[in-house]
Amino acid sequence: QVQLVESGGGLVQPGGSLTLSCAASRIIFSIFTTAWYRQAPGKQRELVAAITSGSNTNYADSVKGRFTISRDNAKNTVYLQMINLKPEDTAVYYCNAHFSKYDLDYWGQGTQVTVSS
C-alpha cells in the first residue's frame, strides 16, 4: 500500500521557520509530481507548491519568496522549507503525489502548522 508520511509541523512564532518533510513508500517516487497543499479551518484546500519529476516548481502567490519546495528522489522525500511564517499560514499541510498518465493520486495524512505568538 502506498504511503505518504508528513512530518515537521508544529507551533512557531510569526517570522519563524519550519521545514516539512514527506516520505513516500511503495511508489516510483521519481516519476511523480509532488506537491504541498494546505487547508485552514473553514476554507478549501489550496495548492501551496508543486515540483515535477523534472524539478520544475510553481508556488501560490501568497508564499512566493518565503517557501521553497524541493525533492530528494534517492530518499523518496519531498520537502517544504518555510521562512518568515505568518499567522495566515496556519493550516493542516498535506503532501500529494500525482502521476497524470495513469491518473494516480496519493495523499498524506496531514501535519498541523500553527503560526502564533
C-alpha atoms as a PDB file:
ATOM      1  CA  GLN A   1       0.000   0.000   0.000  1.00  0.00           C
ATOM      2  CA  VAL A   2       1.299   3.426  -0.967  1.00  0.00           C
ATOM      3  CA  GLN A   3       2.109   5.678   1.969  1.00  0.00           C
ATOM      4  CA  LEU A   4       2.972   9.354   2.194  1.00  0.00           C
ATOM      5  CA  VAL A   5       4.031  10.369   5.696  1.00  0.00           C
ATOM      6  CA  GLU A   6       4.445  14.036   6.581  1.00  0.00           C
ATOM      7  CA  SER A   7       6.493  15.371   9.460  1.00  0.00           C
ATOM      8  CA  GLY A   8       7.895  18.647  10.714  1.00  0.00           C
ATOM      9  CA  GLY A   9       4.774  20.564  11.601  1.00  0.00           C
ATOM     10  CA  GLY A  10       4.340  22.420  14.852  1.00  0.00           C
ATOM     11  CA  LEU A  11       3.844  25.744  16.581  1.00  0.00           C
ATOM     12  CA  VAL A  12       6.040  28.649  15.523  1.00  0.00           C
ATOM     13  CA  GLN A  13       6.003  32.376  16.164  1.00  0.00           C
ATOM     14  CA  PRO A  14       5.363  34.860  13.350  1.00  0.00           C
ATOM     15  CA  GLY A  15       8.550  35.371  11.394  1.00  0.00           C
ATOM     16  CA  GLY A  16       9.778  31.917  12.279  1.00  0.00           C
ATOM     17  CA  SER A  17      10.695  28.967  10.091  1.00  0.00           C
ATOM     18  CA  LEU A  18       9.736  25.337   9.655  1.00  0.00           C
ATOM     19  CA  THR A  19      10.668  22.600   7.221  1.00  0.00           C
ATOM     20  CA  LEU A  20       8.115  19.945   6.367  1.00  0.00           C
ATOM     21  CA  SER A  21       9.080  16.540   5.031  1.00  0.00           C
ATOM     22  CA  CYS A  22       7.047  13.925   3.209  1.00  0.00           C
ATOM     23  CA  ALA A  23       8.431  10.438   2.830  1.00  0.00           C
ATOM     24  CA  ALA A  24       6.866   8.164   0.226  1.00  0.00           C
ATOM     25  CA  SER A  25       6.894   4.416   0.085  1.00  0.00           C
ATOM     26  CA  ARG A  26       5.819   1.798  -2.454  1.00  0.00           C
ATOM     27  CA  ILE A  27       5.792   4.157  -5.428  1.00  0.00           C
ATOM     28  CA  ILE A  28       8.362   5.032  -8.081  1.00  0.00           C
ATOM     29  CA  PHE A  29       8.683   8.403  -6.462  1.00  0.00           C
ATOM     30  CA  SER A  30      10.863   9.991  -9.134  1.00  0.00           C
ATOM     31  CA  ILE A  31       8.176   9.910 -11.833  1.00  0.00           C
ATOM     32  CA  PHE A  32       5.545  11.639  -9.731  1.00  0.00           C
ATOM     33  CA  THR A  33       4.758  15.303  -9.484  1.00  0.00           C
ATOM     34  CA  THR A  34       4.706  16.050  -5.788  1.00  0.00           C
ATOM     35  CA  ALA A  35       3.046  18.940  -4.074  1.00  0.00           C
ATOM     36  CA  TRP A  36       2.096  20.507  -0.792  1.00  0.00           C
ATOM     37  CA  TYR A  37      -1.457  21.646  -0.173  1.00  0.00           C
ATOM     38  CA  ARG A  38      -2.923  23.258   2.906  1.00  0.00           C
ATOM     39  CA  GLN A  39      -6.346  23.635   4.429  1.00  0.00           C
ATOM     40  CA  ALA A  40      -7.212  26.196   7.052  1.00  0.00           C
ATOM     41  CA  PRO A  41     -10.354  25.872   9.190  1.00  0.00           C
ATOM     42  CA  GLY A  42     -13.424  26.790   7.201  1.00  0.00           C
ATOM     43  CA  LYS A  43     -11.501  27.114   3.950  1.00  0.00           C
ATOM     44  CA  GLN A  44     -10.955  24.965   0.910  1.00  0.00           C
ATOM     45  CA  ARG A  45      -7.774  23.021   0.408  1.00  0.00           C
ATOM     46  CA  GLU A  46      -5.335  25.040  -1.684  1.00  0.00           C
ATOM     47  CA  LEU A  47      -2.150  24.317  -3.580  1.00  0.00           C
ATOM     48  CA  VAL A  48       0.917  25.756  -1.868  1.00  0.00           C
ATOM     49  CA  ALA A  49       3.765  24.481  -4.031  1.00  0.00           C
ATOM     50  CA  ALA A  50       4.481  21.736  -6.538  1.00  0.00           C
ATOM     51  CA  ILE A  51       7.560  20.174  -8.073  1.00  0.00           C
ATOM     52  CA  THR A  52       7.546  17.997 -11.171  1.00  0.00           C
ATOM     53  CA  SER A  53       9.643  14.939 -11.917  1.00  0.00           C
ATOM     54  CA  GLY A  54      11.921  17.300 -13.821  1.00  0.00           C
ATOM     55  CA  SER A  55      12.171  19.589 -10.789  1.00  0.00           C
ATOM     56  CA  ASN A  56      10.142  22.420 -12.260  1.00  0.00           C
ATOM     57  CA  THR A  57       8.405  24.278  -9.474  1.00  0.00           C
ATOM     58  CA  ASN A  58       5.426  26.527  -9.000  1.00  0.00           C
ATOM     59  CA  TYR A  59       4.094  28.349  -5.969  1.00  0.00           C
ATOM     60  CA  ALA A  60       0.956  30.024  -4.758  1.00  0.00           C
ATOM     61  CA  ASP A  61       1.346  33.790  -4.921  1.00  0.00           C
ATOM     62  CA  SER A  62       0.881  34.029  -1.163  1.00  0.00           C
ATOM     63  CA  VAL A  63       4.036  32.016  -0.445  1.00  0.00           C
ATOM     64  CA  LYS A  64       6.379  33.093  -3.237  1.00  0.00           C
ATOM     65  CA  GLY A  65       9.695  34.215  -1.840  1.00  0.00           C
ATOM     66  CA  ARG A  66       9.024  32.579   1.530  1.00  0.00           C
ATOM     67  CA  PHE A  67       8.505  28.881   0.778  1.00  0.00           C
ATOM     68  CA  THR A  68      10.774  26.537  -1.156  1.00  0.00           C
ATOM     69  CA  ILE A  69       9.809  23.078  -2.364  1.00  0.00           C
ATOM     70  CA  SER A  70      12.481  20.504  -3.125  1.00  0.00           C
ATOM     71  CA  ARG A  71      12.780  16.778  -3.574  1.00  0.00           C
ATOM     72  CA  ASP A  72      15.334  14.053  -2.975  1.00  0.00           C
ATOM     73  CA  ASN A  73      14.457  11.110  -5.201  1.00  0.00           C
ATOM     74  CA  ALA A  74      17.105   8.919  -3.588  1.00  0.00           C
ATOM     75  CA  LYS A  75      15.262   9.307  -0.286  1.00  0.00           C
ATOM     76  CA  ASN A  76      11.757   9.309  -1.798  1.00  0.00           C
ATOM     77  CA  THR A  77      11.168  12.549   0.057  1.00  0.00           C
ATOM     78  CA  VAL A  78       9.793  15.977  -0.754  1.00  0.00           C
ATOM     79  CA  TYR A  79      10.412  18.997   1.448  1.00  0.00           C
ATOM     80  CA  LEU A  80       8.784  22.337   2.053  1.00  0.00           C
ATOM     81  CA  GLN A  81      11.039  24.934   3.606  1.00  0.00           C
ATOM     82  CA  MET A  82       9.028  27.784   5.073  1.00  0.00           C
ATOM     83  CA  ILE A  83      10.501  31.048   6.302  1.00  0.00           C
ATOM     84  CA  ASN A  84       9.006  34.313   7.507  1.00  0.00           C
ATOM     85  CA  LEU A  85       5.861  32.487   8.535  1.00  0.00           C
ATOM     86  CA  LYS A  86       2.680  34.462   9.038  1.00  0.00           C
ATOM     87  CA  PRO A  87      -0.454  33.705  11.072  1.00  0.00           C
ATOM     88  CA  GLU A  88      -2.341  33.218   7.810  1.00  0.00           C
ATOM     89  CA  ASP A  89      -0.055  30.271   7.026  1.00  0.00           C
ATOM     90  CA  THR A  90      -1.745  28.356   9.844  1.00  0.00           C
ATOM     91  CA  ALA A  91      -3.305  25.225   8.358  1.00  0.00           C
ATOM     92  CA  VAL A  92      -3.036  21.490   8.027  1.00  0.00           C
ATOM     93  CA  TYR A  93      -0.430  20.823   5.345  1.00  0.00           C
ATOM     94  CA  TYR A  94      -0.872  17.800   3.103  1.00  0.00           C
ATOM     95  CA  CYS A  95       1.601  16.070   0.837  1.00  0.00           C
ATOM     96  CA  ASN A  96       0.404  14.882  -2.575  1.00  0.00           C
ATOM     97  CA  ALA A  97       1.950  12.691  -5.240  1.00  0.00           C
ATOM     98  CA  HIS A  98       0.382  12.637  -8.696  1.00  0.00           C
ATOM     99  CA  PHE A  99       1.154  10.775 -11.902  1.00  0.00           C
ATOM    100  CA  SER A 100      -1.167  12.065 -14.593  1.00  0.00           C
ATOM    101  CA  LYS A 101      -0.503   9.422 -17.242  1.00  0.00           C
ATOM    102  CA  TYR A 102      -2.292   6.793 -15.188  1.00  0.00           C
ATOM    103  CA  ASP A 103      -4.307   9.191 -13.030  1.00  0.00           C
ATOM    104  CA  LEU A 104      -2.565   8.077  -9.862  1.00  0.00           C
ATOM    105  CA  ASP A 105      -3.095  10.372  -6.911  1.00  0.00           C
ATOM    106  CA  TYR A 106      -1.943   9.829  -3.334  1.00  0.00           C
ATOM    107  CA  TRP A 107      -2.255  11.917  -0.175  1.00  0.00           C
ATOM    108  CA  GLY A 108      -0.597  12.009   3.189  1.00  0.00           C
ATOM    109  CA  GLN A 109      -2.482  12.298   6.459  1.00  0.00           C
ATOM    110  CA  GLY A 110      -1.527  15.937   7.032  1.00  0.00           C
ATOM    111  CA  THR A 111       0.585  17.821   9.533  1.00  0.00           C
ATOM    112  CA  GLN A 112      -0.536  20.854  11.521  1.00  0.00           C
ATOM    113  CA  VAL A 113       1.328  24.139  11.202  1.00  0.00           C
ATOM    114  CA  THR A 114       0.332  26.864  13.620  1.00  0.00           C
ATOM    115  CA  VAL A 115       1.817  30.340  13.452  1.00  0.00           C
ATOM    116  CA  SER A 116       1.011  32.282  16.577  1.00  0.00           C
ATOM    117  CA  SER A 117       2.625  34.432  19.207  1.00  0.00           C
END
